[in-house]
C-alpha atoms as a PDB file:
ATOM      1  CA  MET A   1     -20.568 -19.520  30.300  1.00  0.00           C
ATOM      2  CA  SER A   2     -20.451 -23.024  28.835  1.00  0.00           C
ATOM      3  CA  VAL A   3     -19.868 -23.734  25.159  1.00  0.00           C
ATOM      4  CA  ALA A   4     -23.375 -25.168  24.872  1.00  0.00           C
ATOM      5  CA  THR A   5     -24.904 -22.055  26.402  1.00  0.00           C
ATOM      6  CA  ARG A   6     -22.927 -19.789  24.081  1.00  0.00           C
ATOM      7  CA  ASP A   7     -23.987 -21.801  21.054  1.00  0.00           C
ATOM      8  CA  MET A   8     -27.622 -21.701  22.145  1.00  0.00           C
ATOM      9  CA  ARG A   9     -27.563 -17.955  22.743  1.00  0.00           C
ATOM     10  CA  ALA A  10     -25.732 -17.287  19.491  1.00  0.00           C
ATOM     11  CA  HIS A  11     -28.243 -19.271  17.445  1.00  0.00           C
ATOM     12  CA  SER A  12     -31.167 -17.631  19.248  1.00  0.00           C
ATOM     13  CA  GLY A  13     -29.964 -14.225  18.073  1.00  0.00           C
ATOM     14  CA  LEU A  14     -29.198 -12.831  21.543  1.00  0.00           C
ATOM     15  CA  LEU A  15     -25.594 -12.162  20.588  1.00  0.00           C
ATOM     16  CA  ASP A  16     -26.186 -10.785  17.110  1.00  0.00           C
ATOM     17  CA  LYS A  17     -25.697  -7.164  18.045  1.00  0.00           C
ATOM     18  CA  ALA A  18     -22.370  -5.741  19.063  1.00  0.00           C
ATOM     19  CA  VAL A  19     -22.232  -3.152  21.822  1.00  0.00           C
ATOM     20  CA  LEU A  20     -20.179   0.013  21.300  1.00  0.00           C
ATOM     21  CA  ILE A  21     -19.166   1.926  24.431  1.00  0.00           C
ATOM     22  CA  ALA A  22     -17.489   5.262  23.764  1.00  0.00           C
ATOM     23  CA  GLY A  23     -16.845   8.330  25.846  1.00  0.00           C
ATOM     24  CA  PRO A  24     -14.175  10.757  26.990  1.00  0.00           C
ATOM     25  CA  THR A  25     -11.159   9.522  28.887  1.00  0.00           C
ATOM     26  CA  ALA A  26     -11.806   8.715  32.575  1.00  0.00           C
ATOM     27  CA  SER A  27     -15.591   8.426  32.077  1.00  0.00           C
ATOM     28  CA  GLY A  28     -15.882   4.842  33.368  1.00  0.00           C
ATOM     29  CA  LYS A  29     -15.987   2.983  30.052  1.00  0.00           C
ATOM     30  CA  SER A  30     -13.657   0.133  31.027  1.00  0.00           C
ATOM     31  CA  ALA A  31     -15.563  -0.759  34.197  1.00  0.00           C
ATOM     32  CA  LEU A  32     -18.861  -0.754  32.315  1.00  0.00           C
ATOM     33  CA  ALA A  33     -17.489  -2.950  29.517  1.00  0.00           C
ATOM     34  CA  LEU A  34     -15.986  -5.395  32.017  1.00  0.00           C
ATOM     35  CA  GLU A  35     -19.275  -5.694  33.884  1.00  0.00           C
ATOM     36  CA  LEU A  36     -21.235  -6.250  30.665  1.00  0.00           C
ATOM     37  CA  ALA A  37     -18.747  -8.851  29.417  1.00  0.00           C
ATOM     38  CA  ARG A  38     -18.919 -10.802  32.697  1.00  0.00           C
ATOM     39  CA  GLU A  39     -22.718 -10.833  32.641  1.00  0.00           C
ATOM     40  CA  SER A  40     -23.191 -11.653  28.964  1.00  0.00           C
ATOM     41  CA  GLY A  41     -20.179 -13.820  28.163  1.00  0.00           C
ATOM     42  CA  GLY A  42     -18.766 -11.105  25.943  1.00  0.00           C
ATOM     43  CA  VAL A  43     -15.323 -10.197  24.695  1.00  0.00           C
ATOM     44  CA  VAL A  44     -13.932  -6.696  25.330  1.00  0.00           C
ATOM     45  CA  ILE A  45     -12.331  -5.239  22.182  1.00  0.00           C
ATOM     46  CA  ASN A  46     -10.088  -2.213  22.522  1.00  0.00           C
ATOM     47  CA  THR A  47     -11.123   0.770  20.394  1.00  0.00           C
ATOM     48  CA  ASP A  48      -8.531   3.220  21.690  1.00  0.00           C
ATOM     49  CA  SER A  49      -5.608   4.240  19.515  1.00  0.00           C
ATOM     50  CA  MET A  50      -3.118   4.520  22.407  1.00  0.00           C
ATOM     51  CA  GLN A  51      -4.053   1.400  24.353  1.00  0.00           C
ATOM     52  CA  VAL A  52      -2.912  -0.751  21.434  1.00  0.00           C
ATOM     53  CA  TYR A  53       0.732  -0.086  22.418  1.00  0.00           C
ATOM     54  CA  ARG A  54       2.343  -2.628  24.718  1.00  0.00           C
ATOM     55  CA  ASP A  55       4.821  -0.020  25.968  1.00  0.00           C
ATOM     56  CA  LEU A  56       2.070   2.199  27.414  1.00  0.00           C
ATOM     57  CA  ARG A  57       0.002   0.241  29.916  1.00  0.00           C
ATOM     58  CA  ILE A  58       0.119   2.724  32.820  1.00  0.00           C
ATOM     59  CA  ILE A  59       0.155   6.099  31.066  1.00  0.00           C
ATOM     60  CA  THR A  60      -2.850   5.121  28.886  1.00  0.00           C
ATOM     61  CA  ALA A  61      -4.828   3.579  31.787  1.00  0.00           C
ATOM     62  CA  ARG A  62      -5.135   0.198  30.105  1.00  0.00           C
ATOM     63  CA  PRO A  63      -7.049  -2.503  32.015  1.00  0.00           C
ATOM     64  CA  SER A  64      -4.878  -4.235  34.583  1.00  0.00           C
ATOM     65  CA  GLU A  65      -3.650  -7.786  34.147  1.00  0.00           C
ATOM     66  CA  ASP A  66      -6.154  -8.915  36.797  1.00  0.00           C
ATOM     67  CA  GLU A  67      -9.013  -7.253  34.910  1.00  0.00           C
ATOM     68  CA  GLU A  68      -7.893  -8.763  31.618  1.00  0.00           C
ATOM     69  CA  ALA A  69      -7.908 -12.201  33.258  1.00  0.00           C
ATOM     70  CA  LEU A  70     -11.607 -11.925  34.191  1.00  0.00           C
ATOM     71  CA  VAL A  71     -12.956 -11.888  30.624  1.00  0.00           C
ATOM     72  CA  PRO A  72     -11.368 -12.046  27.165  1.00  0.00           C
ATOM     73  CA  HIS A  73      -9.717  -8.745  26.206  1.00  0.00           C
ATOM     74  CA  ARG A  74      -8.495  -8.235  22.651  1.00  0.00           C
ATOM     75  CA  LEU A  75      -6.348  -5.672  20.822  1.00  0.00           C
ATOM     76  CA  TYR A  76      -4.785  -4.331  24.016  1.00  0.00           C
ATOM     77  CA  GLY A  77      -1.016  -3.874  24.003  1.00  0.00           C
ATOM     78  CA  HIS A  78      -0.518  -5.922  20.854  1.00  0.00           C
ATOM     79  CA  VAL A  79       1.513  -3.305  18.935  1.00  0.00           C
ATOM     80  CA  ASP A  80       5.095  -2.156  19.514  1.00  0.00           C
ATOM     81  CA  ALA A  81       5.579   1.573  20.154  1.00  0.00           C
ATOM     82  CA  GLY A  82       7.944   1.750  17.184  1.00  0.00           C
ATOM     83  CA  VAL A  83       5.074   1.002  14.786  1.00  0.00           C
ATOM     84  CA  ASN A  84       3.092   3.798  13.150  1.00  0.00           C
ATOM     85  CA  PHE A  85      -0.187   1.969  13.733  1.00  0.00           C
ATOM     86  CA  SER A  86      -3.105   3.261  11.681  1.00  0.00           C
ATOM     87  CA  ALA A  87      -6.877   3.095  11.752  1.00  0.00           C
ATOM     88  CA  GLY A  88      -6.718   0.820   8.718  1.00  0.00           C
ATOM     89  CA  ALA A  89      -4.451  -1.618  10.546  1.00  0.00           C
ATOM     90  CA  TRP A  90      -6.814  -1.559  13.526  1.00  0.00           C
ATOM     91  CA  VAL A  91      -9.812  -2.304  11.301  1.00  0.00           C
ATOM     92  CA  ALA A  92      -8.012  -5.326   9.850  1.00  0.00           C
ATOM     93  CA  ASP A  93      -7.273  -6.623  13.353  1.00  0.00           C
ATOM     94  CA  ALA A  94     -10.793  -5.836  14.542  1.00  0.00           C
ATOM     95  CA  ALA A  95     -12.298  -7.799  11.643  1.00  0.00           C
ATOM     96  CA  LYS A  96     -10.438 -10.918  12.785  1.00  0.00           C
ATOM     97  CA  VAL A  97     -11.452 -10.471  16.414  1.00  0.00           C
ATOM     98  CA  LEU A  98     -15.073  -9.802  15.463  1.00  0.00           C
ATOM     99  CA  GLY A  99     -15.131 -13.007  13.431  1.00  0.00           C
ATOM    100  CA  GLU A 100     -13.673 -14.983  16.329  1.00  0.00           C
ATOM    101  CA  ALA A 101     -16.233 -13.557  18.756  1.00  0.00           C
ATOM    102  CA  ARG A 102     -19.126 -14.516  16.526  1.00  0.00           C
ATOM    103  CA  THR A 103     -17.727 -18.006  15.953  1.00  0.00           C
ATOM    104  CA  GLN A 104     -17.438 -18.476  19.721  1.00  0.00           C
ATOM    105  CA  GLY A 105     -20.914 -17.086  20.391  1.00  0.00           C
ATOM    106  CA  ARG A 106     -19.550 -14.170  22.426  1.00  0.00           C
ATOM    107  CA  ARG A 107     -21.001 -10.687  22.369  1.00  0.00           C
ATOM    108  CA  PRO A 108     -18.458  -8.242  20.849  1.00  0.00           C
ATOM    109  CA  ILE A 109     -18.062  -5.200  23.108  1.00  0.00           C
ATOM    110  CA  PHE A 110     -16.049  -2.422  21.464  1.00  0.00           C
ATOM    111  CA  ILE A 111     -14.875   0.101  24.028  1.00  0.00           C
ATOM    112  CA  GLY A 112     -12.671   3.164  23.767  1.00  0.00           C
ATOM    113  CA  GLY A 113     -12.412   6.849  23.052  1.00  0.00           C
ATOM    114  CA  SER A 114     -10.938   7.033  19.543  1.00  0.00           C
ATOM    115  CA  GLY A 115     -13.600   8.515  17.322  1.00  0.00           C
ATOM    116  CA  LEU A 116     -11.823   7.602  14.093  1.00  0.00           C
ATOM    117  CA  TYR A 117     -11.753   3.928  15.070  1.00  0.00           C
ATOM    118  CA  PHE A 118     -15.471   3.925  15.822  1.00  0.00           C
ATOM    119  CA  LYS A 119     -16.180   5.792  12.589  1.00  0.00           C
ATOM    120  CA  ALA A 120     -14.157   3.233  10.627  1.00  0.00           C
ATOM    121  CA  LEU A 121     -16.042   0.459  12.405  1.00  0.00           C
ATOM    122  CA  THR A 122     -19.519   1.798  11.621  1.00  0.00           C
ATOM    123  CA  ARG A 123     -19.012   3.936   8.489  1.00  0.00           C
ATOM    124  CA  GLY A 124     -16.099   2.296   6.706  1.00  0.00           C
ATOM    125  CA  LEU A 125     -12.642   3.603   5.922  1.00  0.00           C
ATOM    126  CA  SER A 126     -10.656   4.909   3.017  1.00  0.00           C
ATOM    127  CA  ALA A 127      -8.744   2.261   1.098  1.00  0.00           C
ATOM    128  CA  VAL A 128      -5.280   3.863   1.356  1.00  0.00           C
ATOM    129  CA  PRO A 129      -2.653   1.141   0.782  1.00  0.00           C
ATOM    130  CA  PRO A 130       0.278   0.726   3.183  1.00  0.00           C
ATOM    131  CA  ILE A 131       2.935   3.420   2.796  1.00  0.00           C
ATOM    132  CA  PRO A 132       6.435   2.036   2.047  1.00  0.00           C
ATOM    133  CA  ALA A 133       8.955   2.748   4.785  1.00  0.00           C
ATOM    134  CA  GLU A 134      11.299   4.537   2.401  1.00  0.00           C
ATOM    135  CA  VAL A 135       8.580   7.016   1.418  1.00  0.00           C
ATOM    136  CA  ARG A 136       7.688   7.699   5.052  1.00  0.00           C
ATOM    137  CA  ASP A 137      11.341   8.162   5.964  1.00  0.00           C
ATOM    138  CA  SER A 138      11.898  10.552   3.042  1.00  0.00           C
ATOM    139  CA  VAL A 139       8.930  12.747   3.976  1.00  0.00           C
ATOM    140  CA  ARG A 140       9.942  12.886   7.640  1.00  0.00           C
ATOM    141  CA  ALA A 141      13.526  13.738   6.733  1.00  0.00           C
ATOM    142  CA  ARG A 142      12.276  16.676   4.656  1.00  0.00           C
ATOM    143  CA  LEU A 143      10.024  17.702   7.525  1.00  0.00           C
ATOM    144  CA  GLU A 144      12.958  17.863   9.924  1.00  0.00           C
ATOM    145  CA  ARG A 145      15.269  19.509   7.393  1.00  0.00           C
ATOM    146  CA  HIS A 146      12.954  22.139   5.904  1.00  0.00           C
ATOM    147  CA  GLY A 147      10.183  22.563   8.468  1.00  0.00           C
ATOM    148  CA  VAL A 148       6.422  22.069   8.420  1.00  0.00           C
ATOM    149  CA  GLU A 149       5.685  25.270   6.470  1.00  0.00           C
ATOM    150  CA  ALA A 150       7.760  24.062   3.515  1.00  0.00           C
ATOM    151  CA  LEU A 151       5.975  20.713   3.511  1.00  0.00           C
ATOM    152  CA  HIS A 152       2.595  22.437   3.661  1.00  0.00           C
ATOM    153  CA  ALA A 153       3.577  24.463   0.592  1.00  0.00           C
ATOM    154  CA  GLU A 154       4.637  21.259  -1.174  1.00  0.00           C
ATOM    155  CA  LEU A 155       1.330  19.646  -0.251  1.00  0.00           C
ATOM    156  CA  ALA A 156      -0.578  22.661  -1.603  1.00  0.00           C
ATOM    157  CA  ALA A 157       1.044  22.062  -5.000  1.00  0.00           C
ATOM    158  CA  ARG A 158       0.405  18.299  -5.036  1.00  0.00           C
ATOM    159  CA  ASP A 159      -2.850  17.943  -3.085  1.00  0.00           C
ATOM    160  CA  PRO A 160      -4.476  21.395  -2.749  1.00  0.00           C
ATOM    161  CA  VAL A 161      -7.708  20.030  -1.269  1.00  0.00           C
ATOM    162  CA  SER A 162      -5.926  18.405   1.684  1.00  0.00           C
ATOM    163  CA  ALA A 163      -3.646  21.423   2.130  1.00  0.00           C
ATOM    164  CA  GLU A 164      -6.642  23.726   2.392  1.00  0.00           C
ATOM    165  CA  ARG A 165      -8.287  21.505   5.012  1.00  0.00           C
ATOM    166  CA  LEU A 166      -5.215  21.188   7.232  1.00  0.00           C
ATOM    167  CA  MET A 167      -3.724  23.702   9.615  1.00  0.00           C
ATOM    168  CA  PRO A 168      -0.354  24.904   8.232  1.00  0.00           C
ATOM    169  CA  ARG A 169       1.497  23.636  11.328  1.00  0.00           C
ATOM    170  CA  ASP A 170      -0.195  20.233  11.667  1.00  0.00           C
ATOM    171  CA  ARG A 171       3.006  18.227  11.252  1.00  0.00           C
ATOM    172  CA  THR A 172       1.496  14.751  11.502  1.00  0.00           C
ATOM    173  CA  ARG A 173      -1.409  15.197   9.073  1.00  0.00           C
ATOM    174  CA  ILE A 174       0.608  17.180   6.546  1.00  0.00           C
ATOM    175  CA  ALA A 175       3.273  14.470   6.522  1.00  0.00           C
ATOM    176  CA  ARG A 176       0.594  11.780   6.177  1.00  0.00           C
ATOM    177  CA  ALA A 177      -1.077  13.501   3.211  1.00  0.00           C
ATOM    178  CA  LEU A 178       2.285  13.916   1.478  1.00  0.00           C
ATOM    179  CA  GLU A 179       3.189  10.275   2.113  1.00  0.00           C
ATOM    180  CA  VAL A 180      -0.038   9.142   0.453  1.00  0.00           C
ATOM    181  CA  VAL A 181       0.317  11.257  -2.686  1.00  0.00           C
ATOM    182  CA  GLU A 182       4.010  10.408  -2.979  1.00  0.00           C
ATOM    183  CA  ALA A 183       3.479   6.661  -2.518  1.00  0.00           C
ATOM    184  CA  THR A 184       0.337   6.243  -4.614  1.00  0.00           C
ATOM    185  CA  GLY A 185       0.295   9.141  -7.058  1.00  0.00           C
ATOM    186  CA  ARG A 186      -3.229   9.945  -5.862  1.00  0.00           C
ATOM    187  CA  PRO A 187      -4.274  12.605  -3.327  1.00  0.00           C
ATOM    188  CA  LEU A 188      -5.834  11.537  -0.045  1.00  0.00           C
ATOM    189  CA  PRO A 189      -9.387  12.743  -0.909  1.00  0.00           C
ATOM    190  CA  ASP A 190      -9.438  10.338  -3.872  1.00  0.00           C
ATOM    191  CA  TRP A 191      -8.752   7.404  -1.558  1.00  0.00           C
ATOM    192  CA  HIS A 192     -11.443   8.604   0.837  1.00  0.00           C
ATOM    193  CA  ARG A 193     -13.996   8.361  -1.957  1.00  0.00           C
ATOM    194  CA  ASP A 194     -13.049   4.747  -2.678  1.00  0.00           C
ATOM    195  CA  GLY A 195     -13.611   3.466   0.825  1.00  0.00           C
ATOM    196  CA  LEU A 196     -13.873   0.106   2.523  1.00  0.00           C
ATOM    197  CA  PRO A 197     -17.297  -1.006   3.841  1.00  0.00           C
ATOM    198  CA  PRO A 198     -18.031  -0.840   7.587  1.00  0.00           C
ATOM    199  CA  LEU A 199     -17.499  -3.916   9.768  1.00  0.00           C
ATOM    200  CA  LEU A 200     -20.760  -3.133  11.583  1.00  0.00           C
ATOM    201  CA  PRO A 201     -23.462  -1.709   9.285  1.00  0.00           C
ATOM    202  CA  PRO A 202     -26.513   0.042  10.793  1.00  0.00           C
ATOM    203  CA  GLY A 203     -28.723  -2.356  12.733  1.00  0.00           C
ATOM    204  CA  GLU A 204     -25.865  -4.603  13.832  1.00  0.00           C
ATOM    205  CA  PHE A 205     -24.893  -2.640  16.932  1.00  0.00           C
ATOM    206  CA  SER A 206     -26.088  -0.582  19.873  1.00  0.00           C
ATOM    207  CA  ALA A 207     -23.915   2.459  20.593  1.00  0.00           C
ATOM    208  CA  ILE A 208     -23.610   4.489  23.784  1.00  0.00           C
ATOM    209  CA  PHE A 209     -21.497   7.556  24.565  1.00  0.00           C
ATOM    210  CA  LEU A 210     -20.859   8.120  28.261  1.00  0.00           C
ATOM    211  CA  ALA A 211     -21.372  11.831  28.944  1.00  0.00           C
ATOM    212  CA  PRO A 212     -20.385  12.715  32.515  1.00  0.00           C
ATOM    213  CA  ASP A 213     -20.603  16.162  34.073  1.00  0.00           C
ATOM    214  CA  ARG A 214     -17.642  18.136  32.714  1.00  0.00           C
ATOM    215  CA  ASP A 215     -16.350  19.467  36.041  1.00  0.00           C
ATOM    216  CA  GLN A 216     -16.523  16.029  37.652  1.00  0.00           C
ATOM    217  CA  LEU A 217     -14.788  14.491  34.642  1.00  0.00           C
ATOM    218  CA  TYR A 218     -11.938  16.994  34.709  1.00  0.00           C
ATOM    219  CA  ALA A 219     -11.464  16.367  38.435  1.00  0.00           C
ATOM    220  CA  ARG A 220     -11.225  12.618  37.765  1.00  0.00           C
ATOM    221  CA  ILE A 221      -8.713  13.233  34.967  1.00  0.00           C
ATOM    222  CA  ASP A 222      -6.518  15.293  37.285  1.00  0.00           C
ATOM    223  CA  ALA A 223      -6.684  12.712  40.063  1.00  0.00           C
ATOM    224  CA  ARG A 224      -6.024   9.817  37.707  1.00  0.00           C
ATOM    225  CA  PHE A 225      -2.854  11.369  36.322  1.00  0.00           C
ATOM    226  CA  GLY A 226      -1.461  11.534  39.846  1.00  0.00           C
ATOM    227  CA  THR A 227      -2.455   7.914  40.418  1.00  0.00           C
ATOM    228  CA  MET A 228      -0.671   6.880  37.213  1.00  0.00           C
ATOM    229  CA  LEU A 229       2.509   8.604  38.348  1.00  0.00           C
ATOM    230  CA  GLU A 230       2.346   6.787  41.666  1.00  0.00           C
ATOM    231  CA  ALA A 231       1.839   3.510  39.798  1.00  0.00           C
ATOM    232  CA  GLY A 232       5.057   3.894  37.778  1.00  0.00           C
ATOM    233  CA  ALA A 233       4.117   5.975  34.722  1.00  0.00           C
ATOM    234  CA  LEU A 234       7.383   7.917  34.861  1.00  0.00           C
ATOM    235  CA  ALA A 235       9.488   4.749  34.767  1.00  0.00           C
ATOM    236  CA  GLU A 236       7.349   3.478  31.894  1.00  0.00           C
ATOM    237  CA  VAL A 237       7.976   6.664  29.912  1.00  0.00           C
ATOM    238  CA  GLU A 238      11.681   6.513  30.772  1.00  0.00           C
ATOM    239  CA  ARG A 239      11.930   3.044  29.219  1.00  0.00           C
ATOM    240  CA  LEU A 240      10.107   4.335  26.135  1.00  0.00           C
ATOM    241  CA  ALA A 241      12.368   7.382  25.829  1.00  0.00           C
ATOM    242  CA  ALA A 242      15.463   5.186  26.077  1.00  0.00           C
ATOM    243  CA  ARG A 243      14.508   3.555  22.776  1.00  0.00           C
ATOM    244  CA  GLY A 244      15.184   6.770  20.855  1.00  0.00           C
ATOM    245  CA  LEU A 245      12.078   6.468  18.699  1.00  0.00           C
ATOM    246  CA  ASP A 246      10.863   9.020  16.160  1.00  0.00           C
ATOM    247  CA  PRO A 247       8.962  11.715  18.134  1.00  0.00           C
ATOM    248  CA  LEU A 248       6.326  11.773  15.374  1.00  0.00           C
ATOM    249  CA  LEU A 249       5.237   8.202  16.143  1.00  0.00           C
ATOM    250  CA  PRO A 250       1.765   8.045  17.719  1.00  0.00           C
ATOM    251  CA  ALA A 251       3.005   6.331  20.896  1.00  0.00           C
ATOM    252  CA  MET A 252       5.479   9.153  21.497  1.00  0.00           C
ATOM    253  CA  LYS A 253       2.621  11.667  21.506  1.00  0.00           C
ATOM    254  CA  ALA A 254       0.358   9.903  24.022  1.00  0.00           C
ATOM    255  CA  HIS A 255      -0.984  12.319  26.621  1.00  0.00           C
ATOM    256  CA  GLY A 256       1.649  12.918  29.247  1.00  0.00           C
ATOM    257  CA  VAL A 257       4.500  11.251  27.363  1.00  0.00           C
ATOM    258  CA  PRO A 258       6.126  14.366  25.775  1.00  0.00           C
ATOM    259  CA  ALA A 259       5.951  16.334  29.022  1.00  0.00           C
ATOM    260  CA  LEU A 260       7.387  13.512  31.123  1.00  0.00           C
ATOM    261  CA  ILE A 261      10.213  13.088  28.598  1.00  0.00           C
ATOM    262  CA  ARG A 262      10.980  16.785  29.018  1.00  0.00           C
ATOM    263  CA  HIS A 263      11.118  16.235  32.771  1.00  0.00           C
ATOM    264  CA  LEU A 264      13.484  13.283  32.329  1.00  0.00           C
ATOM    265  CA  ARG A 265      15.758  15.556  30.280  1.00  0.00           C
ATOM    266  CA  GLY A 266      15.807  18.081  33.116  1.00  0.00           C
ATOM    267  CA  GLU A 267      13.880  20.735  31.191  1.00  0.00           C
ATOM    268  CA  ILE A 268      10.895  20.997  33.569  1.00  0.00           C
ATOM    269  CA  SER A 269       9.957  19.753  37.023  1.00  0.00           C
ATOM    270  CA  ARG A 270       7.914  16.635  37.651  1.00  0.00           C
ATOM    271  CA  GLU A 271       4.943  18.717  38.808  1.00  0.00           C
ATOM    272  CA  GLU A 272       5.171  20.934  35.714  1.00  0.00           C
ATOM    273  CA  ALA A 273       5.174  17.808  33.542  1.00  0.00           C
ATOM    274  CA  ALA A 274       2.201  16.426  35.447  1.00  0.00           C
ATOM    275  CA  GLU A 275       0.232  19.639  35.011  1.00  0.00           C
ATOM    276  CA  ILE A 276       0.951  19.648  31.268  1.00  0.00           C
ATOM    277  CA  GLY A 277      -0.208  16.033  31.088  1.00  0.00           C
ATOM    278  CA  ARG A 278      -3.394  16.834  32.985  1.00  0.00           C
ATOM    279  CA  ALA A 279      -4.138  19.867  30.802  1.00  0.00           C
ATOM    280  CA  ASP A 280      -3.509  17.930  27.575  1.00  0.00           C
ATOM    281  CA  THR A 281      -5.851  15.173  28.745  1.00  0.00           C
ATOM    282  CA  ARG A 282      -8.586  17.643  29.701  1.00  0.00           C
ATOM    283  CA  HIS A 283      -8.321  19.308  26.289  1.00  0.00           C
ATOM    284  CA  TYR A 284      -8.506  15.904  24.613  1.00  0.00           C
ATOM    285  CA  ALA A 285     -11.657  15.027  26.562  1.00  0.00           C
ATOM    286  CA  LYS A 286     -13.232  18.274  25.388  1.00  0.00           C
ATOM    287  CA  ARG A 287     -12.388  17.398  21.784  1.00  0.00           C
ATOM    288  CA  GLN A 288     -13.909  13.945  22.253  1.00  0.00           C
ATOM    289  CA  PHE A 289     -17.251  15.478  23.255  1.00  0.00           C
ATOM    290  CA  THR A 290     -17.195  17.707  20.171  1.00  0.00           C
ATOM    291  CA  TRP A 291     -16.055  15.002  17.755  1.00  0.00           C
ATOM    292  CA  PHE A 292     -18.674  12.428  18.703  1.00  0.00           C
ATOM    293  CA  ARG A 293     -21.450  15.012  18.734  1.00  0.00           C
ATOM    294  CA  HIS A 294     -20.737  16.070  15.157  1.00  0.00           C
ATOM    295  CA  GLN A 295     -19.259  12.935  13.568  1.00  0.00           C
ATOM    296  CA  LEU A 296     -21.184  10.026  15.128  1.00  0.00           C
ATOM    297  CA  PRO A 297     -24.738  11.066  15.977  1.00  0.00           C
ATOM    298  CA  GLU A 298     -25.808   7.407  16.072  1.00  0.00           C
ATOM    299  CA  PHE A 299     -24.217   7.152  19.522  1.00  0.00           C
ATOM    300  CA  GLU A 300     -26.786   7.817  22.231  1.00  0.00           C
ATOM    301  CA  TRP A 301     -25.460  10.104  24.973  1.00  0.00           C
ATOM    302  CA  VAL A 302     -26.094   8.752  28.457  1.00  0.00           C
ATOM    303  CA  ALA A 303     -24.898   9.823  31.897  1.00  0.00           C
ATOM    304  CA  PRO A 304     -22.531   7.189  33.358  1.00  0.00           C
ATOM    305  CA  GLU A 305     -24.865   6.514  36.279  1.00  0.00           C
ATOM    306  CA  ASP A 306     -27.652   5.627  33.811  1.00  0.00           C
ATOM    307  CA  ALA A 307     -25.512   3.516  31.475  1.00  0.00           C
ATOM    308  CA  ARG A 308     -26.221   0.134  33.035  1.00  0.00           C
ATOM    309  CA  GLU A 309     -29.988   0.635  32.769  1.00  0.00           C
ATOM    310  CA  TRP A 310     -29.565   1.822  29.149  1.00  0.00           C
ATOM    311  CA  LEU A 311     -27.599  -1.303  28.251  1.00  0.00           C
ATOM    312  CA  GLN A 312     -30.135  -3.588  29.880  1.00  0.00           C
ATOM    313  CA  SER A 313     -32.933  -1.961  27.905  1.00  0.00           C
ATOM    314  CA  ARG A 314     -31.055  -2.468  24.628  1.00  0.00           C
ATOM    315  CA  ILE A 315     -29.681  -5.981  24.958  1.00  0.00           C
ATOM    316  CA  SER A 316     -31.939  -7.855  27.381  1.00  0.00           C
END
């Protein structure tokens, strides 16, 4: 698309609305977004919390380099695995990319499976400030030294509302809630009340959730994990494991990563690791269905085979 054409379409209002494409893993989101971007001169913006990590191209099924060369792709692989990347950090990056897309007259196409990212995009986000590294390190040291039950008890004394909401063995969320109250002196629910406005208010986007048949989806998930292994996922995880990163970091908990690390240590066989990875991914897909149904009802559920027609009806 020429610059003149983009300018004309932008000023005519054809590119005002962003398109949000969500759905469970392996539902065909990336192919749909790529096709839409090629047809409309759009930019594909990653809205998946694992595909932000540059260390995890294969195991997270990121678009290939050839696919990324076809249309602009943003926020893919731009974060090091050693970073505890948050939804707030993603929103800040997404705001810049959204501004660039509108300046260039390109349709923003947000695509991914991370419900929290989409909720932050369309509903806003709590205004929790960055947590100092020394506070995070202190909380994690106590977690390793005393165990998650002790930290949950500490959280119950300092932030009883969060403690009641969290499962007593949810290591990541308990540590996060403690980090916030320790760093800011305010419990997490207080920050949630004083939130940041959404990047895309109602009326500025069309949102679709790809809802494939469950049995067919699970079969695709199983097949794709095998394909990823054949494509070098194990070597990718081996390079990640060699860095000796904190196992609580998000990148270290990507589906398939913990099990493949166990295989590399000789604890389980490759096939056992693969089956754990497949099962974890299937369970995650099930949670994605539930989360979007209850948390983001503004997304219209569409079968993948009907998605192209749905998009044409919304943006033509």
